Structure formats: structure tokens, C-alpha cells
Amino acid sequence: MDLFKKIPMTFEGKDYEIRVLYDDTTINVAAFLNNHPANCFRHQLKIPKNFNVKKLLRTEAVKELVEGSKKDIIEKRGEKLLKVMH
């Protein structure tokens, strides 16, 4: 996957990075901490073949995926999921 954008975010003294990655049929948005996935959540948009993915990257739909990834961190969804899994 190619990197479209990195969006910095600080929460509770930790510096996160929201990455927007894409290929011909998928846009993935995920949070990273210290260059590793911050949690087990990914926000994904599947795109039909023969559609211009780069055109879609600058839309409100992708911005909403980024906001969802930020919300995962703020609401500590990853930590809550780990508690259920153990």
C-alpha cells in the first residue's frame, strides 16, 4: 500500500500518527504509536475497480475515517477490546 498522508495526534502525552494508506481498490486508515499499530482497529473503504482512488482520498468520506481512528484512541477502544479478549 502507498502512503497518502500522516496526521499527527497527541493524547494523554503520547504522540500518535494516523496513517492513510491506499492501493487500487482499498483505502485503509489506522493509528500508530512509536511506528507500531496503536490498536487492532482499521477503518477501510473498498473501492470498485476502474475507479480513481486518488480522487476519493481528498473527500469527506476519508476525513470521516480519520476521525473514527482518532475516536478509537480517545475512547480507548483498543484497551476495552483487550479486556474482553482476556
N, C-alpha and C. Protein backbone atom coordinates (compact mmCIF):
# COMPACT_ATOMS: atom_id res chain seq x y z
N MET A 1 0.84 -1.18 0.00
CA MET A 1 0.00 0.00 0.00
C MET A 1 0.89 1.24 0.00
N ASP A 2 0.38 2.28 -0.62
CA ASP A 2 1.09 3.55 -0.66
C ASP A 2 0.57 4.47 0.44
N LEU A 3 1.46 5.27 0.96
CA LEU A 3 1.08 6.24 1.99
C LEU A 3 0.56 7.50 1.33
N PHE A 4 -0.64 7.91 1.70
CA PHE A 4 -1.20 9.16 1.21
C PHE A 4 -0.88 10.30 2.16
N LYS A 5 -1.09 10.05 3.46
CA LYS A 5 -0.93 11.13 4.44
C LYS A 5 -0.71 10.58 5.83
N LYS A 6 0.05 11.33 6.64
CA LYS A 6 0.20 11.05 8.07
C LYS A 6 -0.36 12.25 8.82
N ILE A 7 -1.20 11.98 9.81
CA ILE A 7 -1.81 13.04 10.60
C ILE A 7 -1.38 12.85 12.05
N PRO A 8 -0.60 13.81 12.59
CA PRO A 8 -0.16 13.68 13.98
C PRO A 8 -1.31 13.93 14.95
N MET A 9 -1.24 13.27 16.09
CA MET A 9 -2.25 13.42 17.14
C MET A 9 -1.61 13.13 18.49
N THR A 10 -1.85 13.99 19.47
CA THR A 10 -1.34 13.77 20.82
C THR A 10 -2.53 13.52 21.74
N PHE A 11 -2.42 12.47 22.54
CA PHE A 11 -3.47 12.15 23.51
C PHE A 11 -2.80 11.56 24.74
N GLU A 12 -3.13 12.11 25.88
CA GLU A 12 -2.58 11.70 27.17
C GLU A 12 -1.05 11.62 27.13
N GLY A 13 -0.45 12.61 26.53
CA GLY A 13 1.00 12.72 26.49
C GLY A 13 1.71 11.80 25.50
N LYS A 14 0.95 11.07 24.71
CA LYS A 14 1.53 10.17 23.72
C LYS A 14 1.30 10.75 22.33
N ASP A 15 2.32 10.63 21.48
CA ASP A 15 2.25 11.13 20.11
C ASP A 15 1.88 10.00 19.16
N TYR A 16 0.66 10.08 18.66
CA TYR A 16 0.15 9.09 17.71
C TYR A 16 0.28 9.65 16.29
N GLU A 17 0.09 8.75 15.35
CA GLU A 17 0.11 9.12 13.94
C GLU A 17 -1.02 8.35 13.26
N ILE A 18 -1.92 9.07 12.62
CA ILE A 18 -2.98 8.44 11.85
C ILE A 18 -2.47 8.36 10.41
N ARG A 19 -2.43 7.16 9.88
CA ARG A 19 -1.91 6.97 8.52
C ARG A 19 -3.05 6.61 7.57
N VAL A 20 -3.04 7.28 6.43
CA VAL A 20 -4.00 6.98 5.36
C VAL A 20 -3.20 6.31 4.25
N LEU A 21 -3.52 5.04 4.01
CA LEU A 21 -2.82 4.24 3.01
C LEU A 21 -3.82 3.78 1.94
N TYR A 22 -3.31 3.53 0.74
CA TYR A 22 -4.22 3.13 -0.32
C TYR A 22 -3.52 2.25 -1.36
N ASP A 23 -4.36 1.52 -2.10
CA ASP A 23 -3.92 0.85 -3.31
C ASP A 23 -5.05 1.02 -4.32
N ASP A 24 -5.09 0.23 -5.36
CA ASP A 24 -6.08 0.42 -6.42
C ASP A 24 -7.52 0.20 -6.00
N THR A 25 -7.74 -0.59 -4.95
CA THR A 25 -9.11 -0.94 -4.57
C THR A 25 -9.46 -0.70 -3.10
N THR A 26 -8.51 -0.17 -2.32
CA THR A 26 -8.74 -0.04 -0.88
C THR A 26 -8.10 1.22 -0.33
N ILE A 27 -8.79 1.84 0.62
CA ILE A 27 -8.20 2.90 1.43
C ILE A 27 -8.25 2.41 2.87
N ASN A 28 -7.11 2.41 3.55
CA ASN A 28 -7.01 1.99 4.95
C ASN A 28 -6.58 3.18 5.80
N VAL A 29 -7.19 3.30 6.96
CA VAL A 29 -6.81 4.33 7.93
C VAL A 29 -6.56 3.62 9.25
N ALA A 30 -5.38 3.87 9.83
CA ALA A 30 -5.02 3.20 11.09
C ALA A 30 -4.18 4.13 11.94
N ALA A 31 -4.27 3.95 13.25
CA ALA A 31 -3.48 4.73 14.20
C ALA A 31 -2.20 3.98 14.54
N PHE A 32 -1.12 4.73 14.67
CA PHE A 32 0.18 4.16 15.03
C PHE A 32 0.75 4.91 16.22
N LEU A 33 1.50 4.18 17.04
CA LEU A 33 2.20 4.74 18.18
C LEU A 33 3.61 4.16 18.15
N ASN A 34 4.61 5.02 18.13
CA ASN A 34 6.01 4.57 18.04
C ASN A 34 6.24 3.64 16.85
N ASN A 35 5.63 3.99 15.73
CA ASN A 35 5.79 3.28 14.47
C ASN A 35 5.21 1.87 14.48
N HIS A 36 4.31 1.57 15.44
CA HIS A 36 3.63 0.29 15.53
C HIS A 36 2.13 0.57 15.62
N PRO A 37 1.30 -0.36 15.15
CA PRO A 37 -0.15 -0.15 15.29
C PRO A 37 -0.52 0.16 16.74
N ALA A 38 -1.33 1.19 16.92
CA ALA A 38 -1.71 1.63 18.27
C ALA A 38 -2.80 0.75 18.87
N ASN A 39 -3.59 0.14 18.02
CA ASN A 39 -4.66 -0.75 18.48
C ASN A 39 -5.01 -1.69 17.34
N CYS A 40 -5.99 -2.51 17.52
CA CYS A 40 -6.32 -3.51 16.50
C CYS A 40 -7.39 -3.02 15.52
N PHE A 41 -7.72 -1.75 15.55
CA PHE A 41 -8.76 -1.23 14.68
C PHE A 41 -8.19 -0.65 13.39
N ARG A 42 -8.89 -0.90 12.30
CA ARG A 42 -8.60 -0.32 10.99
C ARG A 42 -9.92 0.16 10.41
N HIS A 43 -9.85 1.28 9.75
CA HIS A 43 -11.03 1.78 9.04
C HIS A 43 -10.71 1.64 7.57
N GLN A 44 -11.62 1.01 6.84
CA GLN A 44 -11.32 0.64 5.47
C GLN A 44 -12.47 1.01 4.54
N LEU A 45 -12.09 1.41 3.36
CA LEU A 45 -13.04 1.72 2.31
C LEU A 45 -12.65 0.90 1.09
N LYS A 46 -13.53 0.02 0.65
CA LYS A 46 -13.29 -0.79 -0.54
C LYS A 46 -13.86 -0.06 -1.75
N ILE A 47 -13.09 -0.03 -2.80
CA ILE A 47 -13.44 0.78 -3.97
C ILE A 47 -13.57 -0.14 -5.19
N PRO A 48 -14.59 0.09 -6.01
CA PRO A 48 -14.73 -0.73 -7.23
C PRO A 48 -13.53 -0.54 -8.16
N LYS A 49 -13.23 -1.58 -8.92
CA LYS A 49 -12.16 -1.47 -9.90
C LYS A 49 -12.51 -0.39 -10.91
N ASN A 50 -11.51 0.15 -11.53
CA ASN A 50 -11.66 1.20 -12.54
C ASN A 50 -12.19 2.51 -11.97
N PHE A 51 -12.01 2.72 -10.67
CA PHE A 51 -12.39 3.98 -10.04
C PHE A 51 -11.12 4.70 -9.62
N ASN A 52 -11.08 6.00 -9.75
CA ASN A 52 -9.89 6.78 -9.42
C ASN A 52 -9.78 6.95 -7.91
N VAL A 53 -8.97 6.12 -7.29
CA VAL A 53 -8.79 6.14 -5.84
C VAL A 53 -8.23 7.48 -5.37
N LYS A 54 -7.28 8.02 -6.09
CA LYS A 54 -6.64 9.27 -5.67
C LYS A 54 -7.65 10.42 -5.59
N LYS A 55 -8.66 10.38 -6.41
CA LYS A 55 -9.72 11.39 -6.37
C LYS A 55 -10.52 11.28 -5.06
N LEU A 56 -10.74 10.05 -4.63
CA LEU A 56 -11.51 9.79 -3.42
C LEU A 56 -10.75 10.15 -2.14
N LEU A 57 -9.42 10.11 -2.18
CA LEU A 57 -8.61 10.36 -0.99
C LEU A 57 -8.85 11.74 -0.38
N ARG A 58 -9.26 12.69 -1.16
CA ARG A 58 -9.45 14.07 -0.68
C ARG A 58 -10.90 14.40 -0.31
N THR A 59 -11.72 13.38 -0.15
CA THR A 59 -13.13 13.60 0.12
C THR A 59 -13.46 13.54 1.61
N GLU A 60 -14.66 13.95 1.92
CA GLU A 60 -15.17 13.94 3.29
C GLU A 60 -15.23 12.51 3.84
N ALA A 61 -15.48 11.55 2.99
CA ALA A 61 -15.58 10.15 3.43
C ALA A 61 -14.28 9.69 4.09
N VAL A 62 -13.15 10.06 3.51
CA VAL A 62 -11.86 9.67 4.08
C VAL A 62 -11.59 10.46 5.36
N LYS A 63 -11.98 11.71 5.38
CA LYS A 63 -11.83 12.52 6.60
C LYS A 63 -12.60 11.88 7.76
N GLU A 64 -13.76 11.32 7.46
CA GLU A 64 -14.55 10.66 8.50
C GLU A 64 -13.86 9.39 9.00
N LEU A 65 -13.18 8.68 8.11
CA LEU A 65 -12.41 7.51 8.54
C LEU A 65 -11.28 7.92 9.48
N VAL A 66 -10.64 9.04 9.17
CA VAL A 66 -9.57 9.57 10.03
C VAL A 66 -10.14 9.93 11.40
N GLU A 67 -11.28 10.60 11.42
CA GLU A 67 -11.91 10.97 12.69
C GLU A 67 -12.29 9.73 13.49
N GLY A 68 -12.73 8.68 12.82
CA GLY A 68 -13.05 7.43 13.51
C GLY A 68 -11.82 6.81 14.16
N SER A 69 -10.70 6.90 13.47
CA SER A 69 -9.45 6.37 14.02
C SER A 69 -9.01 7.18 15.24
N LYS A 70 -9.18 8.48 15.18
CA LYS A 70 -8.86 9.33 16.34
C LYS A 70 -9.77 9.00 17.51
N LYS A 71 -11.03 8.77 17.21
CA LYS A 71 -12.00 8.45 18.26
C LYS A 71 -11.68 7.11 18.92
N ASP A 72 -11.14 6.16 18.14
CA ASP A 72 -10.72 4.88 18.71
C ASP A 72 -9.70 5.11 19.83
N ILE A 73 -8.78 6.05 19.60
CA ILE A 73 -7.75 6.35 20.60
C ILE A 73 -8.36 7.06 21.80
N ILE A 74 -9.13 8.10 21.55
CA ILE A 74 -9.70 8.92 22.63
C ILE A 74 -10.62 8.09 23.52
N GLU A 75 -11.40 7.21 22.92
CA GLU A 75 -12.33 6.38 23.69
C GLU A 75 -11.70 5.08 24.19
N LYS A 76 -10.41 4.91 23.91
CA LYS A 76 -9.64 3.74 24.35
C LYS A 76 -10.31 2.43 23.96
N ARG A 77 -10.79 2.38 22.73
CA ARG A 77 -11.49 1.19 22.25
C ARG A 77 -10.58 -0.03 22.20
N GLY A 78 -9.33 0.15 21.85
CA GLY A 78 -8.39 -0.96 21.82
C GLY A 78 -8.20 -1.58 23.19
N GLU A 79 -8.06 -0.73 24.21
CA GLU A 79 -7.90 -1.23 25.58
C GLU A 79 -9.14 -1.96 26.04
N LYS A 80 -10.30 -1.45 25.70
CA LYS A 80 -11.56 -2.10 26.09
C LYS A 80 -11.69 -3.47 25.42
N LEU A 81 -11.29 -3.56 24.17
CA LEU A 81 -11.35 -4.83 23.47
C LEU A 81 -10.40 -5.86 24.08
N LEU A 82 -9.21 -5.42 24.43
CA LEU A 82 -8.24 -6.34 25.06
C LEU A 82 -8.78 -6.91 26.37
N LYS A 83 -9.49 -6.08 27.14
CA LYS A 83 -10.07 -6.57 28.40
C LYS A 83 -11.09 -7.69 28.12
N VAL A 84 -11.88 -7.53 27.09
CA VAL A 84 -12.88 -8.54 26.75
C VAL A 84 -12.20 -9.81 26.25
N MET A 85 -11.11 -9.67 25.53
CA MET A 85 -10.42 -10.82 24.96
C MET A 85 -9.70 -11.63 26.04
N HIS A 86 -9.36 -11.00 27.14
CA HIS A 86 -8.67 -11.73 28.21
C HIS A 86 -9.68 -12.23 29.16
